Amino acid sequence: MQQGNLYLIPTVLAENATQTIPAYIRDIIIDTDFYIVENLKTARRFIKSIYKEKNIDECVFLEMDKHKNYQFDENFLSELFNGKNIGLMSEAGVPCIADPGNKVVEIAHEMEIKVVPLVGPSSLLMALMASGFNGQQFSFNGYLPIDSVERKNKILQMETAGKKGNTQIFMDTPYRNQRLLEEIIQFCKFDTMLCIACNITAKDEYIKTLPLAEWKKRKPDLNKKPAIFILGK
């Protein structure tokens, strides 16, 4: 029997943005009935949006446990040796980028299972593409520290690196985005360039690059909205 594949299936970044998902993802979903997901409800809804004829009740889902560092039952991957495909789905667009799915992929490699990454929307790359900053040398810093001193030091370190041409990409939880913008304006120099990419692929998508002196004059409402921040030159 031929061994199945572990497919890294991209999902939408914004509601009703299925046009951002390549057409061939539909064929993968048609042939895949086993899924490892972060959130069962949104995963089921996404699958039906891509292929409405899919019988969701015949699919098998395994949720990663957020309360136990995204652990999952590794025995689930044994289905691959029975010729079944498994789809790994993220809440962050593409799996394993700013996402805990890498734990599944790591074990798949240890088991010599074929891992197939599929093209889809990545908020990090889309923000970088639209920023106007150097895309040949960049760093993704993930979420910033919570501690105020560490947070300030990190912002200043990224500012220095960004001005040297090493583009700095970072993010925070949506309810802290407004505070983060205030901190960047407070700690950094007014000529420092900042790109804010908010609600990427949504109808109210907002992407703009300005010096901090301008951001201070026209602060957008970022509260509870997914956003990517980029410092560069």
Protein backbone atom coordinates (compact mmCIF):
# COMPACT_ATOMS: atom_id res chain seq x y z
CA MET A 1 0.00 0.00 0.00
CA GLN A 2 1.28 3.46 -0.88
CA GLN A 3 2.08 5.70 2.07
CA GLY A 4 -0.04 8.81 2.55
CA ASN A 5 1.23 12.40 2.69
CA LEU A 6 1.15 15.05 5.37
CA TYR A 7 -0.27 18.11 3.58
CA LEU A 8 0.34 21.57 5.06
CA ILE A 9 -2.94 23.18 4.05
CA PRO A 10 -3.21 26.99 4.03
CA THR A 11 -6.33 28.69 5.36
CA VAL A 12 -7.79 32.17 4.95
CA LEU A 13 -6.50 35.16 6.92
CA ALA A 14 -9.84 36.95 6.83
CA GLU A 15 -13.45 35.80 6.73
CA ASN A 16 -14.86 35.23 3.23
CA ALA A 17 -11.40 35.58 1.63
CA THR A 18 -11.45 32.19 -0.11
CA GLN A 19 -10.21 33.84 -3.32
CA THR A 20 -6.77 33.88 -1.67
CA ILE A 21 -6.66 30.06 -1.61
CA PRO A 22 -5.26 28.39 -4.78
CA ALA A 23 -7.75 26.24 -6.70
CA TYR A 24 -5.70 23.06 -6.30
CA ILE A 25 -6.28 23.09 -2.53
CA ARG A 26 -9.82 21.89 -3.33
CA ASP A 27 -8.41 18.69 -4.85
CA ILE A 28 -6.30 18.06 -1.73
CA ILE A 29 -9.33 18.51 0.52
CA ILE A 30 -11.41 16.16 -1.63
CA ASP A 31 -8.81 13.41 -1.10
CA THR A 32 -8.14 14.09 2.60
CA ASP A 33 -10.37 12.91 5.43
CA PHE A 34 -7.94 13.13 8.38
CA TYR A 35 -6.94 16.52 9.82
CA ILE A 36 -4.78 17.91 12.61
CA VAL A 37 -6.07 21.37 13.53
CA GLU A 38 -5.84 24.15 16.11
CA ASN A 39 -9.57 24.87 16.20
CA LEU A 40 -12.14 22.29 15.18
CA LYS A 41 -14.97 24.73 14.45
CA THR A 42 -13.03 27.03 12.12
CA ALA A 43 -11.34 24.07 10.40
CA ARG A 44 -14.67 22.45 9.58
CA ARG A 45 -16.07 25.76 8.33
CA PHE A 46 -13.03 26.36 6.11
CA ILE A 47 -13.23 22.90 4.53
CA LYS A 48 -16.91 23.40 3.67
CA SER A 49 -16.14 26.83 2.17
CA ILE A 50 -13.60 25.27 -0.18
CA TYR A 51 -15.60 22.14 -1.07
CA LYS A 52 -19.22 22.33 0.06
CA GLU A 53 -19.92 18.75 -1.02
CA LYS A 54 -17.43 17.41 1.54
CA ASN A 55 -19.08 15.16 4.12
CA ILE A 56 -17.60 16.67 7.26
CA ASP A 57 -19.14 14.01 9.49
CA GLU A 58 -16.99 11.37 7.78
CA CYS A 59 -13.79 13.31 8.46
CA VAL A 60 -11.62 12.66 11.50
CA PHE A 61 -10.18 15.65 13.35
CA LEU A 62 -7.48 15.87 15.98
CA GLU A 63 -7.13 19.15 17.86
CA MET A 64 -3.74 20.17 19.20
CA ASP A 65 -3.95 20.87 22.93
CA LYS A 66 -3.19 24.56 23.53
CA HIS A 67 -3.13 23.99 27.28
CA LYS A 68 -0.36 21.40 26.97
CA ASN A 69 2.02 23.27 24.66
CA TYR A 70 0.11 22.14 21.56
CA GLN A 71 0.71 18.45 22.17
CA PHE A 72 -1.12 15.92 20.03
CA ASP A 73 -1.51 12.16 19.79
CA GLU A 74 1.44 11.05 17.66
CA ASN A 75 -0.32 7.76 16.93
CA PHE A 76 -2.65 9.73 14.67
CA LEU A 77 0.17 9.95 12.11
CA SER A 78 0.13 6.17 11.79
CA GLU A 79 -2.83 6.64 9.43
CA LEU A 80 -0.28 7.80 6.86
CA PHE A 81 1.17 4.29 6.80
CA ASN A 82 -2.31 2.99 6.01
CA GLY A 83 -2.30 5.05 2.81
CA LYS A 84 -4.39 7.88 4.23
CA ASN A 85 -3.50 11.54 3.69
CA ILE A 86 -3.49 13.89 6.68
CA GLY A 87 -3.99 17.65 6.42
CA LEU A 88 -2.37 20.01 8.92
CA MET A 89 -4.30 23.27 9.23
CA SER A 90 -3.39 26.48 11.04
CA GLU A 91 -5.27 29.45 12.43
CA ALA A 92 -2.52 31.68 11.00
CA GLY A 93 -2.82 31.24 7.24
CA VAL A 94 0.02 28.91 6.31
CA PRO A 95 0.94 26.19 8.82
CA CYS A 96 4.19 26.32 10.81
CA ILE A 97 4.89 30.05 10.22
CA ALA A 98 4.23 31.88 13.51
CA ASP A 99 2.26 28.74 14.29
CA PRO A 100 2.81 25.59 16.44
CA GLY A 101 2.28 23.15 13.55
CA ASN A 102 6.03 22.61 13.29
CA LYS A 103 5.72 20.07 16.13
CA VAL A 104 3.66 17.83 13.84
CA VAL A 105 6.05 18.26 10.93
CA GLU A 106 9.08 17.51 13.12
CA ILE A 107 7.65 14.15 14.11
CA ALA A 108 6.60 13.42 10.51
CA HIS A 109 10.22 13.81 9.41
CA GLU A 110 11.35 11.49 12.20
CA MET A 111 8.87 8.92 10.90
CA GLU A 112 10.12 9.48 7.31
CA ILE A 113 6.69 10.67 6.21
CA LYS A 114 6.51 12.86 3.10
CA VAL A 115 5.66 16.45 4.04
CA VAL A 116 3.99 18.53 1.28
CA PRO A 117 3.84 22.33 1.83
CA LEU A 118 1.04 24.05 -0.11
CA VAL A 119 0.90 27.66 -1.27
CA GLY A 120 -1.39 30.07 0.55
CA PRO A 121 -1.65 33.50 2.21
CA SER A 122 1.03 34.38 4.77
CA SER A 123 0.47 37.65 6.62
CA LEU A 124 4.21 37.96 7.32
CA LEU A 125 5.30 37.65 3.70
CA MET A 126 2.41 39.70 2.33
CA ALA A 127 3.18 42.52 4.76
CA LEU A 128 6.87 42.42 3.83
CA MET A 129 6.03 42.43 0.12
CA ALA A 130 3.88 45.54 0.53
CA SER A 131 6.16 47.41 2.94
CA GLY A 132 8.75 48.73 0.49
CA PHE A 133 11.50 47.52 2.83
CA ASN A 134 14.45 45.23 2.08
CA GLY A 135 13.11 41.76 1.35
CA GLN A 136 16.55 40.19 0.90
CA GLN A 137 17.58 40.51 4.53
CA PHE A 138 14.90 40.36 7.20
CA SER A 139 14.11 38.86 10.60
CA PHE A 140 10.82 37.73 12.10
CA ASN A 141 10.81 38.45 15.83
CA GLY A 142 7.44 36.97 16.68
CA TYR A 143 5.65 38.35 19.73
CA LEU A 144 7.45 40.98 21.80
CA PRO A 145 8.29 40.45 25.49
CA ILE A 146 5.62 41.38 28.04
CA ASP A 147 8.09 42.85 30.56
CA SER A 148 8.24 46.61 29.96
CA VAL A 149 12.03 46.91 30.15
CA GLU A 150 12.65 43.90 27.89
CA ARG A 151 9.97 45.17 25.52
CA LYS A 152 11.56 48.61 25.20
CA ASN A 153 15.02 47.10 24.67
CA LYS A 154 13.69 44.80 21.97
CA ILE A 155 12.00 47.65 20.11
CA LEU A 156 15.21 49.71 20.18
CA GLN A 157 17.27 46.72 19.00
CA MET A 158 14.89 46.21 16.08
CA GLU A 159 14.99 49.91 15.22
CA THR A 160 18.80 49.81 15.01
CA ALA A 161 18.79 46.66 12.87
CA GLY A 162 16.05 48.01 10.61
CA LYS A 163 17.94 51.22 9.92
CA LYS A 164 20.93 49.11 8.86
CA GLY A 165 18.81 47.39 6.22
CA ASN A 166 17.87 44.23 8.15
CA THR A 167 14.09 44.52 7.99
CA GLN A 168 12.42 43.67 11.31
CA ILE A 169 9.00 42.00 11.33
CA PHE A 170 7.04 41.53 14.57
CA MET A 171 3.55 41.26 16.00
CA ASP A 172 1.50 41.24 19.17
CA THR A 173 -1.89 40.00 20.27
CA PRO A 174 -4.62 42.15 18.66
CA TYR A 175 -5.79 43.71 21.94
CA ARG A 176 -2.26 45.06 22.56
CA ASN A 177 -1.69 46.49 19.07
CA GLN A 178 -2.68 50.05 19.94
CA ARG A 179 -0.40 50.05 22.95
CA LEU A 180 2.44 48.66 20.82
CA LEU A 181 2.09 51.49 18.30
CA GLU A 182 2.21 54.03 21.13
CA GLU A 183 5.37 52.41 22.49
CA ILE A 184 7.11 52.42 19.11
CA ILE A 185 6.33 56.13 18.70
CA GLN A 186 7.51 56.83 22.24
CA PHE A 187 10.79 54.88 22.13
CA CYS A 188 11.99 55.31 18.54
CA LYS A 189 13.24 58.31 16.55
CA PHE A 190 10.73 60.26 14.50
CA ASP A 191 12.55 59.54 11.22
CA THR A 192 12.33 55.76 11.79
CA MET A 193 10.24 54.07 9.10
CA LEU A 194 7.35 51.83 10.20
CA CYS A 195 4.98 49.73 8.11
CA ILE A 196 1.65 48.66 9.60
CA ALA A 197 -0.25 45.92 7.78
CA CYS A 198 -3.67 45.35 9.32
CA ASN A 199 -6.49 42.95 8.40
CA ILE A 200 -4.59 41.59 5.40
CA THR A 201 -6.89 40.20 2.65
CA ALA A 202 -10.01 41.56 4.42
CA LYS A 203 -12.29 44.19 2.85
CA ASP A 204 -10.86 46.81 5.21
CA GLU A 205 -7.23 45.81 4.60
CA TYR A 206 -4.86 48.61 5.64
CA ILE A 207 -1.16 48.66 4.67
CA LYS A 208 0.94 51.81 4.93
CA THR A 209 4.60 52.74 5.45
CA LEU A 210 5.40 56.10 7.05
CA PRO A 211 8.01 57.73 9.29
CA LEU A 212 7.02 57.76 12.96
CA ALA A 213 6.58 61.53 12.84
CA GLU A 214 3.64 60.91 10.49
CA TRP A 215 2.28 57.96 12.46
CA LYS A 216 2.13 60.21 15.52
CA LYS A 217 -0.21 62.56 13.61
CA ARG A 218 -2.51 59.86 12.20
CA LYS A 219 -2.71 56.82 14.41
CA PRO A 220 -4.99 54.13 12.94
CA ASP A 221 -7.40 52.16 15.09
CA LEU A 222 -5.66 48.81 15.56
CA ASN A 223 -7.52 47.63 18.63
CA LYS A 224 -8.45 43.95 18.40
CA LYS A 225 -7.42 43.79 14.74
CA PRO A 226 -4.72 41.35 13.49
CA ALA A 227 -1.69 43.40 12.43
CA ILE A 228 1.93 42.99 11.38
CA PHE A 229 4.50 45.66 12.25
CA ILE A 230 7.72 46.18 10.27
CA LEU A 231 10.70 48.46 10.95
CA GLY A 232 13.06 49.09 8.07
CA LYS A 233 14.51 51.64 5.72
